Amino acid sequence: MLSALVLVPFAIATAYVGGWPFQVFWGAAALVVLWEWTSLVTGADRRSVLLAGAVSVVLAVTLVAGGYRLAAVIVLAMGMLATAALARAERRIWVAAGVPYAGSLGVAPIVLRADGEAGFLAMIFLFAIVWATDIVAYFVGRAIGGPKLMPQVSPKKTWSGALGGTVAAVLAALAMAKAAALTGWFAIAMLAIILSVVAQGGDLFESFLKRRFGAKDSSHLIPGHGGLMDRLDGFVTASVVAALIGLARGGFDAPGHGLLVW
């Protein structure tokens, strides 16, 4: 709880300020996640892999902050190739996958927040959905229990928790819509369902990754939480989908507007 009381206000504050503080915040988060991913999957000598991946992530975040989104994607693809070439043959795919995974965490929030009119609201909307899903799914799952969602991947997650988290995400999204005087509530509710399901999918994927490589937590960086990747697993996937929806509907100039206005 104390860790959350520090991290949550800081995330909201940087989203409100925007600009370089927001970009540095998510760029640093992406580097930490890359370090955790590399520690999990690389094995012995990981310094060269981590260095190549970090260079590509930093460059991609810098490019997207300057508005060069396509160039950022190309740099992440090049980073994948570089890390794959440096990794051991049996782990190349896993090692290379860490670059777009971590890079997405840095790039997607910056893309959404770049919308000067609706960027901050889009980030708060995304935070509300992911946090509501995560918190309510945990407590509903513990309180009700029942059939397991995917026991071979995450033995503690239940269908009751997943459904409770999705309902909470819809309620949080509609509360945000009412507070911000947004219309198209049905579309916003459907969007909340999509992002909630995607966030839970990201959570399950990270659980699978840890199980695959025999780890309980991605690291011990955050007291009581584990690693940063443990806290942001759902946010990574949800932010990417939210950014893609925003770009598809609002274009490069107004992705936040494209996400929220229906």
Protein backbone atom coordinates (compact mmCIF):
# COMPACT_ATOMS: atom_id res chain seq x y z
CA MET A 1 0.00 0.00 0.00
CA LEU A 2 2.83 2.39 0.83
CA SER A 3 4.51 1.64 -2.49
CA ALA A 4 1.25 2.33 -4.32
CA LEU A 5 0.79 5.59 -2.42
CA VAL A 6 4.13 6.73 -3.83
CA LEU A 7 3.86 5.39 -7.37
CA VAL A 8 0.26 6.30 -8.22
CA PRO A 9 0.42 10.04 -7.42
CA PHE A 10 3.75 10.27 -9.24
CA ALA A 11 2.28 8.65 -12.35
CA ILE A 12 -0.70 11.01 -12.28
CA ALA A 13 1.45 14.07 -11.60
CA THR A 14 3.78 13.40 -14.53
CA ALA A 15 0.77 12.75 -16.77
CA TYR A 16 -0.65 16.12 -15.75
CA VAL A 17 2.61 17.97 -16.35
CA GLY A 18 3.29 16.17 -19.64
CA GLY A 19 6.30 17.18 -21.72
CA TRP A 20 9.77 15.96 -20.85
CA PRO A 21 8.96 14.87 -17.24
CA PHE A 22 6.32 12.50 -18.59
CA GLN A 23 8.63 11.26 -21.33
CA VAL A 24 11.51 10.69 -18.90
CA PHE A 25 9.19 8.90 -16.47
CA TRP A 26 7.97 6.36 -19.04
CA GLY A 27 11.36 6.11 -20.71
CA ALA A 28 12.90 5.18 -17.35
CA ALA A 29 10.08 2.71 -16.69
CA ALA A 30 10.75 1.10 -20.08
CA LEU A 31 14.45 0.70 -19.25
CA VAL A 32 13.68 -0.91 -15.90
CA VAL A 33 11.24 -3.32 -17.54
CA LEU A 34 13.87 -4.15 -20.18
CA TRP A 35 16.37 -4.89 -17.41
CA GLU A 36 13.87 -7.15 -15.62
CA TRP A 37 12.92 -8.95 -18.84
CA THR A 38 16.57 -9.48 -19.76
CA SER A 39 17.36 -10.75 -16.26
CA LEU A 40 14.55 -13.28 -16.58
CA VAL A 41 15.19 -14.69 -20.04
CA THR A 42 18.84 -14.14 -21.00
CA GLY A 43 20.68 -16.30 -18.54
CA ALA A 44 24.43 -15.88 -18.01
CA ASP A 45 26.13 -12.95 -19.76
CA ARG A 46 23.44 -10.39 -20.42
CA ARG A 47 25.40 -7.12 -20.46
CA SER A 48 25.76 -6.86 -24.24
CA VAL A 49 22.11 -7.79 -24.79
CA LEU A 50 20.94 -5.26 -22.21
CA LEU A 51 23.14 -2.52 -23.67
CA ALA A 52 21.88 -3.07 -27.23
CA GLY A 53 18.27 -3.19 -26.09
CA ALA A 54 18.64 -0.12 -23.88
CA VAL A 55 20.13 1.93 -26.71
CA SER A 56 17.23 1.07 -29.00
CA VAL A 57 14.61 1.78 -26.32
CA VAL A 58 16.13 5.15 -25.40
CA LEU A 59 16.42 6.14 -29.04
CA ALA A 60 12.84 5.03 -29.77
CA VAL A 61 11.47 7.04 -26.83
CA THR A 62 13.49 10.07 -27.92
CA LEU A 63 12.18 9.78 -31.48
CA VAL A 64 8.54 9.37 -30.50
CA ALA A 65 8.86 12.31 -28.11
CA GLY A 66 10.02 14.36 -31.11
CA GLY A 67 7.08 13.17 -33.19
CA TYR A 68 8.97 10.60 -35.29
CA ARG A 69 6.71 7.64 -34.59
CA LEU A 70 7.56 5.50 -37.61
CA ALA A 71 11.27 5.97 -36.98
CA ALA A 72 10.75 4.82 -33.38
CA VAL A 73 9.13 1.59 -34.60
CA ILE A 74 12.01 0.99 -37.02
CA VAL A 75 14.56 1.51 -34.23
CA LEU A 76 12.77 -1.02 -32.00
CA ALA A 77 12.78 -3.53 -34.87
CA MET A 78 16.52 -2.98 -35.30
CA GLY A 79 16.98 -3.43 -31.56
CA MET A 80 15.20 -6.78 -31.79
CA LEU A 81 17.61 -7.94 -34.48
CA ALA A 82 20.64 -6.72 -32.54
CA THR A 83 19.65 -8.41 -29.28
CA ALA A 84 18.72 -11.61 -31.11
CA ALA A 85 22.17 -11.69 -32.72
CA LEU A 86 23.84 -11.30 -29.31
CA ALA A 87 21.72 -13.89 -27.49
CA ARG A 88 22.23 -17.60 -27.23
CA ALA A 89 20.51 -19.51 -30.03
CA GLU A 90 17.96 -21.27 -27.81
CA ARG A 91 16.77 -17.98 -26.28
CA ARG A 92 16.95 -15.58 -29.21
CA ILE A 93 13.19 -15.19 -29.67
CA TRP A 94 12.60 -14.52 -25.98
CA VAL A 95 15.49 -12.07 -25.73
CA ALA A 96 14.46 -10.17 -28.86
CA ALA A 97 10.85 -9.93 -27.70
CA GLY A 98 11.92 -7.87 -24.70
CA VAL A 99 12.79 -4.88 -26.87
CA PRO A 100 9.31 -4.23 -28.32
CA TYR A 101 7.72 -5.17 -24.99
CA ALA A 102 9.74 -2.62 -23.01
CA GLY A 103 9.76 -0.14 -25.89
CA SER A 104 5.97 -0.22 -26.08
CA LEU A 105 5.79 0.85 -22.46
CA GLY A 106 7.83 3.93 -23.30
CA VAL A 107 6.28 4.72 -26.67
CA ALA A 108 2.52 4.11 -26.25
CA PRO A 109 1.88 6.50 -23.30
CA ILE A 110 3.90 9.24 -24.99
CA VAL A 111 1.84 8.84 -28.18
CA LEU A 112 -1.42 9.21 -26.24
CA ARG A 113 -0.22 12.10 -24.06
CA ALA A 114 1.05 14.02 -27.11
CA ASP A 115 -2.55 15.06 -27.81
CA GLY A 116 -2.49 18.52 -26.28
CA GLU A 117 -6.27 18.74 -25.88
CA ALA A 118 -7.20 15.26 -24.65
CA GLY A 119 -3.88 13.59 -23.83
CA PHE A 120 -4.07 13.97 -20.06
CA LEU A 121 -7.68 12.79 -19.93
CA ALA A 122 -6.80 9.80 -22.11
CA MET A 123 -4.04 8.79 -19.69
CA ILE A 124 -6.31 9.12 -16.65
CA PHE A 125 -8.97 7.11 -18.49
CA LEU A 126 -6.40 4.38 -19.17
CA PHE A 127 -5.11 4.43 -15.59
CA ALA A 128 -8.68 4.14 -14.25
CA ILE A 129 -9.47 1.10 -16.38
CA VAL A 130 -6.25 -0.78 -15.67
CA TRP A 131 -6.18 0.00 -11.94
CA ALA A 132 -9.87 -0.81 -11.46
CA THR A 133 -9.39 -4.10 -13.28
CA ASP A 134 -6.34 -5.06 -11.26
CA ILE A 135 -7.64 -4.10 -7.81
CA VAL A 136 -11.18 -5.41 -8.09
CA ALA A 137 -10.12 -8.64 -9.82
CA TYR A 138 -7.79 -9.35 -6.91
CA PHE A 139 -10.36 -8.76 -4.17
CA VAL A 140 -13.31 -10.40 -5.96
CA GLY A 141 -11.19 -13.41 -6.80
CA ARG A 142 -10.13 -13.81 -3.18
CA ALA A 143 -13.63 -13.24 -1.82
CA ILE A 144 -15.60 -15.45 -4.24
CA GLY A 145 -13.05 -17.86 -5.68
CA GLY A 146 -14.49 -20.50 -7.98
CA PRO A 147 -13.18 -21.92 -11.26
CA LYS A 148 -9.63 -20.97 -12.20
CA LEU A 149 -9.08 -18.72 -15.20
CA MET A 150 -5.90 -20.39 -16.46
CA PRO A 151 -4.45 -22.61 -13.71
CA GLN A 152 -1.49 -23.83 -15.77
CA VAL A 153 -0.28 -20.24 -16.10
CA SER A 154 -1.54 -18.48 -12.96
CA PRO A 155 -3.13 -20.80 -10.39
CA LYS A 156 -4.61 -18.01 -8.25
CA LYS A 157 -6.58 -16.14 -10.92
CA THR A 158 -10.27 -16.99 -11.17
CA TRP A 159 -13.11 -16.35 -13.59
CA SER A 160 -14.96 -14.46 -10.84
CA GLY A 161 -12.01 -12.12 -10.41
CA ALA A 162 -11.68 -11.58 -14.16
CA LEU A 163 -15.38 -10.76 -14.55
CA GLY A 164 -15.35 -8.55 -11.45
CA GLY A 165 -12.35 -6.65 -12.78
CA THR A 166 -14.03 -6.12 -16.15
CA VAL A 167 -17.22 -4.83 -14.53
CA ALA A 168 -15.16 -2.48 -12.38
CA ALA A 169 -13.35 -1.21 -15.49
CA VAL A 170 -16.67 -0.42 -17.19
CA LEU A 171 -17.94 1.44 -14.12
CA ALA A 172 -14.69 3.39 -13.83
CA ALA A 173 -14.81 4.32 -17.54
CA LEU A 174 -18.43 5.47 -17.30
CA ALA A 175 -17.66 7.51 -14.19
CA MET A 176 -14.82 9.16 -16.11
CA ALA A 177 -17.13 9.77 -19.06
CA LYS A 178 -19.72 11.43 -16.83
CA ALA A 179 -17.13 13.58 -15.07
CA ALA A 180 -15.61 14.70 -18.38
CA ALA A 181 -19.00 15.17 -20.11
CA LEU A 182 -18.15 12.60 -22.78
CA THR A 183 -20.87 11.15 -24.98
CA GLY A 184 -21.16 7.72 -26.57
CA TRP A 185 -21.36 5.84 -23.30
CA PHE A 186 -22.08 2.50 -24.96
CA ALA A 187 -18.92 2.77 -27.07
CA ILE A 188 -16.92 3.82 -24.01
CA ALA A 189 -18.25 0.82 -22.08
CA MET A 190 -17.25 -1.49 -24.94
CA LEU A 191 -13.83 0.17 -25.05
CA ALA A 192 -13.43 -0.41 -21.31
CA ILE A 193 -14.27 -4.11 -21.76
CA ILE A 194 -11.68 -4.43 -24.53
CA LEU A 195 -8.95 -2.66 -22.57
CA SER A 196 -9.76 -4.59 -19.39
CA VAL A 197 -9.57 -7.94 -21.18
CA VAL A 198 -6.34 -6.90 -22.90
CA ALA A 199 -4.87 -5.79 -19.55
CA GLN A 200 -5.75 -9.14 -17.98
CA GLY A 201 -4.20 -10.86 -20.98
CA GLY A 202 -1.00 -8.91 -20.35
CA ASP A 203 -1.08 -10.02 -16.73
CA LEU A 204 -1.46 -13.66 -17.76
CA PHE A 205 1.35 -13.34 -20.30
CA GLU A 206 3.72 -12.05 -17.66
CA SER A 207 2.70 -14.90 -15.34
CA PHE A 208 3.44 -17.33 -18.16
CA LEU A 209 6.84 -15.70 -18.74
CA LYS A 210 7.81 -16.00 -15.08
CA ARG A 211 6.62 -19.61 -14.91
CA ARG A 212 8.49 -20.39 -18.13
CA PHE A 213 11.77 -19.15 -16.64
CA GLY A 214 11.18 -20.25 -13.03
CA ALA A 215 10.76 -16.87 -11.32
CA LYS A 216 8.22 -15.73 -8.73
CA ASP A 217 8.66 -12.00 -9.40
CA SER A 218 10.29 -10.09 -12.22
CA SER A 219 12.59 -8.48 -9.62
CA HIS A 220 12.52 -7.21 -6.01
CA LEU A 221 12.65 -3.55 -6.94
CA ILE A 222 9.38 -2.40 -5.32
CA PRO A 223 8.77 -3.38 -1.67
CA GLY A 224 5.67 -5.53 -1.40
CA HIS A 225 5.09 -5.54 -5.15
CA GLY A 226 7.99 -7.40 -6.74
CA GLY A 227 9.27 -5.84 -9.92
CA LEU A 228 8.06 -2.98 -12.07
CA MET A 229 7.02 -5.45 -14.75
CA ASP A 230 4.80 -7.16 -12.17
CA ARG A 231 2.93 -3.87 -11.68
CA LEU A 232 2.82 -2.75 -15.31
CA ASP A 233 2.15 -6.03 -17.12
CA GLY A 234 -1.49 -5.16 -17.80
CA PHE A 235 -0.73 -1.52 -18.50
CA VAL A 236 1.78 -2.41 -21.24
CA THR A 237 -0.75 -4.27 -23.36
CA ALA A 238 -3.66 -1.93 -22.59
CA SER A 239 -1.63 1.19 -23.43
CA VAL A 240 -0.56 -0.26 -26.79
CA VAL A 241 -4.16 -1.12 -27.76
CA ALA A 242 -5.41 2.26 -26.51
CA ALA A 243 -2.73 4.09 -28.53
CA LEU A 244 -3.54 2.10 -31.67
CA ILE A 245 -7.28 2.83 -31.31
CA GLY A 246 -6.53 6.50 -30.69
CA LEU A 247 -4.26 6.71 -33.73
CA ALA A 248 -6.73 4.86 -35.95
CA ARG A 249 -9.58 7.21 -35.03
CA GLY A 250 -7.81 10.48 -34.25
CA GLY A 251 -4.66 10.32 -36.35
CA PHE A 252 -1.21 11.41 -35.23
CA ASP A 253 -2.46 14.83 -34.14
CA ALA A 254 -5.28 13.73 -31.83
CA PRO A 255 -4.90 10.14 -30.54
CA GLY A 256 -6.38 11.04 -27.15
CA HIS A 257 -9.42 12.53 -28.83
CA GLY A 258 -9.71 9.46 -31.03
CA LEU A 259 -9.71 7.21 -27.97
CA LEU A 260 -12.29 9.14 -25.98
CA VAL A 261 -14.73 10.82 -28.35
CA TRP A 262 -17.28 8.49 -29.98
